[in-house]
Amino acid sequence: TTAGSVTVPSFTATRVAAGSFRVAELRLASNHTTGLSGVQVTVRLWIAAPTFTNGDNGAYAVATSGAGLNYLGTFAGVFEQFADGAAAILTSQSGFAKSVKLASGQTVYWDLQTNAAFTPQSGKTFTLTPNIEQD
């Protein structure tokens, strides 16, 4: 995939626009049936979707991030492989839950970086489920 065709996924983080929330952890699941055991991953959260220098399966390089002001934090973990898919529990790299107050809107964007080589399976997906406490 080319850089311009990368779609940044998102989730609704607050009940109301300009709300606040606390991210305790993230659960990342995939329907990959092989190849993810022990793969370390990083998920970054953003208040506006960044753009990227490279596309899928290229070196991770953020092209625009709003001068870093749109960056909320980093979560990391390791995949466990199961016969029907894989899952990882990601914790904040700051060592504690991340508290956020949005200036507007309700949406948080996220990206995924694998920190080890693996071969993606065609047509497979990654699903992020945030464990958040909302105001």
Protein backbone atom coordinates (compact mmCIF):
# COMPACT_ATOMS: atom_id res chain seq x y z
CA THR A 1 0.00 0.00 0.00
CA THR A 2 1.31 3.46 -0.80
CA ALA A 3 1.57 6.15 1.87
CA GLY A 4 -1.35 8.15 0.51
CA SER A 5 -3.69 5.18 0.76
CA VAL A 6 -3.11 4.44 4.47
CA THR A 7 -6.38 4.81 6.37
CA VAL A 8 -5.86 5.64 10.05
CA PRO A 9 -8.39 3.76 12.22
CA SER A 10 -10.20 5.41 15.13
CA PHE A 11 -12.52 4.84 18.06
CA THR A 12 -15.01 6.98 19.97
CA ALA A 13 -13.43 7.78 23.33
CA THR A 14 -15.92 10.05 25.07
CA ARG A 15 -19.67 10.28 25.59
CA VAL A 16 -19.72 13.98 24.67
CA ALA A 17 -17.66 16.30 22.49
CA ALA A 18 -14.64 17.77 24.32
CA GLY A 19 -14.99 15.09 26.99
CA SER A 20 -12.26 13.53 29.05
CA PHE A 21 -11.26 9.91 29.58
CA ARG A 22 -8.57 7.66 30.98
CA VAL A 23 -7.01 4.80 28.98
CA ALA A 24 -6.10 1.90 31.29
CA GLU A 25 -4.97 -0.52 28.56
CA LEU A 26 -5.67 -1.56 24.99
CA ARG A 27 -6.58 -5.01 23.66
CA LEU A 28 -5.39 -5.73 20.14
CA ALA A 29 -6.82 -8.79 18.39
CA SER A 30 -6.20 -10.26 14.95
CA ASN A 31 -7.67 -13.07 12.91
CA HIS A 32 -4.15 -14.12 11.82
CA THR A 33 -4.06 -17.87 12.50
CA THR A 34 -0.26 -18.16 12.45
CA GLY A 35 2.85 -16.02 12.64
CA LEU A 36 2.08 -13.53 15.43
CA SER A 37 3.31 -15.49 18.47
CA GLY A 38 5.79 -13.31 20.38
CA VAL A 39 5.58 -10.37 17.94
CA GLN A 40 6.00 -7.09 19.81
CA VAL A 41 3.67 -4.28 18.75
CA THR A 42 3.31 -0.58 19.44
CA VAL A 43 0.08 1.42 19.14
CA ARG A 44 0.18 5.21 19.18
CA LEU A 45 -2.89 7.31 19.95
CA TRP A 46 -3.62 10.64 18.23
CA ILE A 47 -6.29 13.36 18.50
CA ALA A 48 -6.05 13.94 14.73
CA ALA A 49 -5.06 11.39 12.11
CA PRO A 50 -1.38 11.59 11.18
CA THR A 51 -0.06 10.97 7.68
CA PHE A 52 2.79 8.62 6.86
CA THR A 53 5.88 8.68 4.66
CA ASN A 54 5.53 4.98 3.81
CA GLY A 55 2.58 2.66 3.26
CA ASP A 56 1.63 -0.66 4.85
CA ASN A 57 4.56 -3.01 5.40
CA GLY A 58 7.04 -0.13 4.99
CA ALA A 59 9.33 1.42 7.60
CA TYR A 60 7.32 3.31 10.25
CA ALA A 61 7.69 7.05 9.56
CA VAL A 62 5.10 9.70 10.49
CA ALA A 63 5.05 12.50 7.91
CA THR A 64 2.74 14.90 9.76
CA SER A 65 1.69 14.85 13.38
CA GLY A 66 0.53 18.42 13.95
CA ALA A 67 4.05 19.27 15.18
CA GLY A 68 3.61 16.54 17.80
CA LEU A 69 0.61 18.28 19.36
CA ASN A 70 -1.80 15.59 18.11
CA TYR A 71 0.19 12.76 19.73
CA LEU A 72 -1.39 11.34 22.91
CA GLY A 73 0.86 8.45 23.88
CA THR A 74 2.27 5.02 23.17
CA PHE A 75 1.08 1.58 24.27
CA ALA A 76 3.00 -1.66 23.71
CA GLY A 77 2.65 -5.39 24.20
CA VAL A 78 3.36 -8.86 22.79
CA PHE A 79 1.00 -11.07 20.79
CA GLU A 80 -0.07 -14.51 21.94
CA GLN A 81 -1.05 -16.86 19.13
CA PHE A 82 -4.14 -19.05 19.28
CA ALA A 83 -5.48 -21.50 16.68
CA ASP A 84 -8.21 -19.08 15.56
CA GLY A 85 -6.35 -15.76 15.95
CA ALA A 86 -4.00 -13.76 18.15
CA ALA A 87 -4.30 -11.16 20.90
CA ALA A 88 -2.11 -8.73 22.84
CA ILE A 89 -2.77 -6.60 25.91
CA LEU A 90 -1.02 -3.26 25.48
CA THR A 91 0.00 -1.06 28.39
CA SER A 92 1.03 2.57 28.48
CA GLN A 93 4.73 3.16 27.97
CA SER A 94 4.63 6.02 30.45
CA GLY A 95 4.04 3.39 33.15
CA PHE A 96 0.58 4.61 34.15
CA ALA A 97 -2.88 5.04 32.66
CA LYS A 98 -3.14 7.88 30.18
CA SER A 99 -5.59 10.69 31.05
CA VAL A 100 -6.85 12.80 28.17
CA LYS A 101 -9.10 15.86 27.80
CA LEU A 102 -10.16 16.47 24.20
CA ALA A 103 -10.38 20.05 22.96
CA SER A 104 -13.26 19.04 20.68
CA GLY A 105 -14.86 15.96 19.19
CA GLN A 106 -15.02 12.43 20.57
CA THR A 107 -12.64 10.53 18.28
CA VAL A 108 -9.16 9.15 18.95
CA TYR A 109 -7.04 7.81 16.08
CA TRP A 110 -4.50 5.01 16.33
CA ASP A 111 -1.75 3.40 14.33
CA LEU A 112 0.01 0.07 14.64
CA GLN A 113 3.71 -0.72 14.36
CA THR A 114 5.10 -4.24 14.55
CA ASN A 115 8.50 -4.32 16.24
CA ALA A 116 9.51 -7.70 14.80
CA ALA A 117 9.42 -9.18 11.35
CA PHE A 118 6.34 -11.20 10.48
CA THR A 119 4.57 -12.09 7.26
CA PRO A 120 1.07 -10.58 7.09
CA GLN A 121 -1.65 -12.91 5.87
CA SER A 122 -3.84 -11.58 3.07
CA GLY A 123 -7.24 -10.25 4.09
CA LYS A 124 -6.55 -10.35 7.84
CA THR A 125 -7.52 -7.59 10.26
CA PHE A 126 -6.45 -6.01 13.54
CA THR A 127 -9.12 -4.86 15.98
CA LEU A 128 -8.33 -2.46 18.83
CA THR A 129 -10.53 -2.40 21.92
CA PRO A 130 -9.66 0.35 24.42
CA ASN A 131 -10.27 -0.17 28.13
CA ILE A 132 -11.29 3.39 28.99
CA GLU A 133 -13.02 5.21 31.79
CA GLN A 134 -15.14 8.11 30.56
CA ASP A 135 -16.34 11.19 32.41
